Amino acid sequence: MKTKLLSLFFFCFGLNQLANAQTYRYNVKDSTAKSNPTHHLAFQAGVATLPQILNGLGEVLYYAFSAGSNRYTNKTRTGGLYAQYHYSPNRQIRFGLSVGLDNQQGDIERESSTTLYTKYGAYYNKTKTIGLECLFVYNKNERTKLYGKIGLSMHEFSQTVTYTNPAARDVSVKYNYFSGQLTPFGIEIGKQVSGFAEFGFGYNGILSAGIRGKF
């Protein structure tokens, strides 16, 4: 994990130096241009996140290996919920930290006849995420920004299965894994307080949206 986080840090640092050089050249051409450091706080929610996709794949495999005799039903999801802090040394690049939760729960049913399933347990999945991110602004418009984002993340997945039979012991598993986020397109509208939407793939989801404040 440390090697990957350090690699992302140095990658962001290199991009920051490049962006600073580009900003300097831009300021030489236009003395009225400003590029003051800023801080950004954001709250973001996404759908079709990587944890959700992995949970769905696990359900398919569980159903296949049980030959259709077991299945997940009555599923509820919170979606991917994230809080983010980004530091922007200039108008073109931001880098920072993202933390989030992705929860899912439901019932586990077992086939009791050819047409009837009976509940015999419930499952609770929770994925905690921490990620390092770099965001690149494509244009120089102050009110409407187009951007892309990349991220490297570590996830802690935990699952607890409880059974309706009081004699059965609950089962819990926990493991860590790495992933990331690749967002080729995002749009942000607003100045001090803005709304944004993103399209990509990874822990934020295929589609996500949120609100961001700058100070």
Protein backbone atom coordinates (compact mmCIF):
# COMPACT_ATOMS: atom_id res chain seq x y z
CA MET A 1 0.00 0.00 0.00
CA LYS A 2 2.77 2.44 0.97
CA THR A 3 4.49 1.98 -2.40
CA LYS A 4 1.31 2.71 -4.33
CA LEU A 5 0.44 5.74 -2.22
CA LEU A 6 3.96 7.12 -2.59
CA SER A 7 3.85 6.53 -6.35
CA LEU A 8 0.60 8.48 -6.62
CA PHE A 9 2.02 11.26 -4.43
CA PHE A 10 5.10 11.71 -6.62
CA PHE A 11 2.96 11.50 -9.75
CA CYS A 12 0.72 14.28 -8.43
CA PHE A 13 3.78 16.30 -7.40
CA GLY A 14 5.18 16.06 -10.92
CA LEU A 15 1.89 17.12 -12.45
CA ASN A 16 1.72 19.98 -9.97
CA GLN A 17 5.15 21.21 -11.04
CA LEU A 18 4.09 21.01 -14.69
CA ALA A 19 0.88 22.88 -13.96
CA ASN A 20 2.83 25.57 -12.08
CA ALA A 21 5.09 26.03 -15.09
CA GLN A 22 2.07 26.32 -17.40
CA THR A 23 0.42 28.81 -15.04
CA TYR A 24 3.62 30.87 -14.94
CA ARG A 25 3.74 31.05 -18.73
CA TYR A 26 0.09 32.00 -18.82
CA ASN A 27 0.60 34.75 -16.25
CA VAL A 28 3.53 36.16 -18.22
CA LYS A 29 1.24 36.53 -21.23
CA ASP A 30 -1.64 37.95 -19.18
CA SER A 31 -0.62 39.92 -16.10
CA THR A 32 -4.26 40.07 -14.96
CA ALA A 33 -4.50 36.27 -14.57
CA LYS A 34 -4.68 35.00 -10.99
CA SER A 35 -3.85 31.58 -9.62
CA ASN A 36 -4.21 31.75 -5.86
CA PRO A 37 -4.01 28.51 -3.84
CA THR A 38 -7.42 27.30 -2.70
CA HIS A 39 -8.94 24.52 -0.60
CA HIS A 40 -11.96 22.46 -1.66
CA LEU A 41 -14.37 20.40 0.44
CA ALA A 42 -16.89 18.16 -1.33
CA PHE A 43 -19.59 15.58 -0.66
CA GLN A 44 -20.22 13.09 -3.45
CA ALA A 45 -22.62 10.19 -4.08
CA GLY A 46 -22.27 7.64 -6.85
CA VAL A 47 -24.04 4.66 -8.40
CA ALA A 48 -22.54 1.54 -9.98
CA THR A 49 -19.46 1.90 -7.79
CA LEU A 50 -16.71 -0.71 -7.89
CA PRO A 51 -17.72 -2.12 -4.46
CA GLN A 52 -21.30 -2.46 -5.73
CA ILE A 53 -20.11 -4.22 -8.89
CA LEU A 54 -17.98 -6.63 -6.84
CA ASN A 55 -20.93 -7.31 -4.51
CA GLY A 56 -23.11 -8.05 -7.53
CA LEU A 57 -20.50 -10.41 -8.96
CA GLY A 58 -20.30 -12.18 -5.62
CA GLU A 59 -24.07 -12.68 -5.62
CA VAL A 60 -23.98 -14.16 -9.12
CA LEU A 61 -21.20 -16.58 -8.15
CA TYR A 62 -22.98 -17.49 -4.91
CA TYR A 63 -26.15 -18.30 -6.85
CA ALA A 64 -24.21 -20.28 -9.48
CA PHE A 65 -22.20 -22.35 -7.00
CA SER A 66 -25.32 -23.17 -5.01
CA ALA A 67 -26.97 -24.36 -8.26
CA GLY A 68 -29.77 -21.87 -7.75
CA SER A 69 -30.76 -23.26 -4.35
CA ASN A 70 -29.67 -20.06 -2.51
CA ARG A 71 -30.24 -16.44 -3.45
CA TYR A 72 -30.06 -12.83 -2.17
CA THR A 73 -33.33 -10.88 -1.95
CA ASN A 74 -34.79 -7.67 -0.47
CA LYS A 75 -31.53 -5.86 -1.13
CA THR A 76 -30.99 -2.25 -0.04
CA ARG A 77 -27.99 -0.06 -0.83
CA THR A 78 -26.82 3.33 0.34
CA GLY A 79 -24.67 3.85 -2.75
CA GLY A 80 -21.16 5.20 -2.58
CA LEU A 81 -21.00 8.20 -0.20
CA TYR A 82 -17.77 10.20 -0.06
CA ALA A 83 -16.25 13.23 1.65
CA GLN A 84 -13.27 14.84 -0.07
CA TYR A 85 -10.62 17.45 0.58
CA HIS A 86 -8.60 18.83 -2.33
CA TYR A 87 -5.80 21.39 -2.32
CA SER A 88 -5.43 23.47 -5.47
CA PRO A 89 -2.07 25.26 -5.89
CA ASN A 90 -3.39 26.81 -9.10
CA ARG A 91 -6.45 26.76 -11.35
CA GLN A 92 -5.42 23.70 -13.31
CA ILE A 93 -4.75 20.98 -10.76
CA ARG A 94 -6.09 19.76 -7.42
CA PHE A 95 -4.96 16.87 -5.28
CA GLY A 96 -6.15 15.47 -2.00
CA LEU A 97 -7.93 12.79 -0.03
CA SER A 98 -11.28 11.01 -0.32
CA VAL A 99 -12.94 8.83 2.33
CA GLY A 100 -16.21 6.97 1.91
CA LEU A 101 -18.65 4.22 2.77
CA ASP A 102 -20.60 1.84 0.56
CA ASN A 103 -23.18 -0.31 2.39
CA GLN A 104 -25.47 -3.09 1.23
CA GLN A 105 -27.72 -5.54 3.03
CA GLY A 106 -30.40 -8.09 2.24
CA ASP A 107 -31.91 -11.47 2.98
CA ILE A 108 -30.55 -14.89 2.10
CA GLU A 109 -33.13 -17.40 0.97
CA ARG A 110 -32.84 -21.13 0.44
CA GLU A 111 -34.97 -23.19 -1.92
CA SER A 112 -37.41 -25.27 0.09
CA SER A 113 -39.33 -26.64 -2.91
CA THR A 114 -39.28 -26.24 -6.66
CA THR A 115 -41.22 -22.98 -6.48
CA LEU A 116 -40.68 -21.74 -2.91
CA TYR A 117 -37.77 -20.05 -1.16
CA THR A 118 -37.53 -19.58 2.59
CA LYS A 119 -35.45 -17.00 4.40
CA TYR A 120 -32.70 -18.53 6.48
CA GLY A 121 -30.43 -15.55 7.08
CA ALA A 122 -29.41 -11.98 6.31
CA TYR A 123 -26.16 -10.38 5.20
CA TYR A 124 -24.61 -6.98 5.86
CA ASN A 125 -21.83 -5.71 3.60
CA LYS A 126 -19.77 -2.62 4.34
CA THR A 127 -16.90 -1.20 2.31
CA LYS A 128 -14.74 1.58 3.74
CA THR A 129 -12.62 3.51 1.24
CA ILE A 130 -9.67 5.87 1.48
CA GLY A 131 -8.15 7.26 -1.68
CA LEU A 132 -5.61 9.74 -3.00
CA GLU A 133 -6.86 11.80 -5.94
CA CYS A 134 -5.60 14.18 -8.61
CA LEU A 135 -8.04 16.38 -10.52
CA PHE A 136 -7.13 18.22 -13.74
CA VAL A 137 -9.15 21.21 -14.97
CA TYR A 138 -9.26 21.29 -18.77
CA ASN A 139 -10.43 24.88 -19.29
CA LYS A 140 -9.98 28.31 -17.68
CA ASN A 141 -13.63 29.31 -17.25
CA GLU A 142 -14.18 30.40 -13.63
CA ARG A 143 -17.87 29.49 -13.45
CA THR A 144 -18.10 26.31 -15.58
CA LYS A 145 -15.17 23.93 -15.31
CA LEU A 146 -14.53 20.75 -17.28
CA TYR A 147 -12.13 18.32 -15.67
CA GLY A 148 -10.84 14.79 -15.30
CA LYS A 149 -9.75 12.84 -12.24
CA ILE A 150 -7.65 9.83 -11.31
CA GLY A 151 -7.44 8.12 -7.92
CA LEU A 152 -5.71 5.28 -6.12
CA SER A 153 -7.62 3.70 -3.25
CA MET A 154 -7.56 1.07 -0.54
CA HIS A 155 -10.78 -0.63 0.57
CA GLU A 156 -11.72 -2.54 3.70
CA PHE A 157 -14.58 -4.92 2.99
CA SER A 158 -16.51 -6.64 5.78
CA GLN A 159 -19.48 -8.97 5.64
CA THR A 160 -21.58 -10.35 8.47
CA VAL A 161 -24.11 -13.14 7.92
CA THR A 162 -26.75 -13.82 10.56
CA TYR A 163 -29.05 -16.84 10.56
CA THR A 164 -32.69 -17.24 11.56
CA ASN A 165 -31.80 -20.47 13.35
CA PRO A 166 -30.73 -19.34 16.86
CA ALA A 167 -28.42 -22.36 17.12
CA ALA A 168 -26.39 -21.23 14.10
CA ARG A 169 -23.36 -19.04 14.72
CA ASP A 170 -23.04 -15.75 12.83
CA VAL A 171 -20.24 -15.59 10.27
CA SER A 172 -18.03 -12.56 9.64
CA VAL A 173 -15.30 -11.98 7.05
CA LYS A 174 -13.04 -9.01 6.44
CA TYR A 175 -10.33 -8.27 3.88
CA ASN A 176 -8.58 -5.38 2.13
CA TYR A 177 -8.06 -4.69 -1.54
CA PHE A 178 -6.80 -1.91 -3.80
CA SER A 179 -8.53 -0.21 -6.70
CA GLY A 180 -8.83 3.27 -8.17
CA GLN A 181 -10.91 5.80 -10.04
CA LEU A 182 -10.64 6.95 -13.63
CA THR A 183 -12.91 9.87 -14.49
CA PRO A 184 -12.32 11.21 -18.02
CA PHE A 185 -15.12 13.76 -17.79
CA GLY A 186 -16.56 15.90 -15.04
CA ILE A 187 -18.39 19.22 -15.03
CA GLU A 188 -18.53 21.72 -12.18
CA ILE A 189 -20.82 24.78 -12.18
CA GLY A 190 -20.37 27.58 -9.68
CA LYS A 191 -17.58 29.55 -8.03
CA GLN A 192 -17.39 29.55 -4.24
CA VAL A 193 -20.10 26.89 -3.93
CA SER A 194 -20.62 24.61 -6.91
CA GLY A 195 -22.45 21.51 -8.02
CA PHE A 196 -20.72 18.84 -10.06
CA ALA A 197 -21.34 15.61 -11.94
CA GLU A 198 -18.86 12.99 -13.10
CA PHE A 199 -18.69 10.06 -15.49
CA GLY A 200 -16.04 7.39 -14.95
CA PHE A 201 -15.26 4.00 -13.47
CA GLY A 202 -14.06 3.02 -10.01
CA TYR A 203 -14.91 3.63 -6.37
CA ASN A 204 -16.92 6.83 -7.08
CA GLY A 205 -19.16 4.96 -9.53
CA ILE A 206 -19.96 5.19 -13.20
CA LEU A 207 -22.21 8.19 -12.53
CA SER A 208 -21.81 10.45 -9.52
CA ALA A 209 -22.73 13.95 -8.41
CA GLY A 210 -22.18 16.22 -5.44
CA ILE A 211 -21.61 19.67 -4.01
CA ARG A 212 -18.27 21.40 -3.49
CA GLY A 213 -17.22 24.46 -1.53
CA LYS A 214 -14.05 26.52 -2.09
CA PHE A 215 -12.28 28.61 0.54
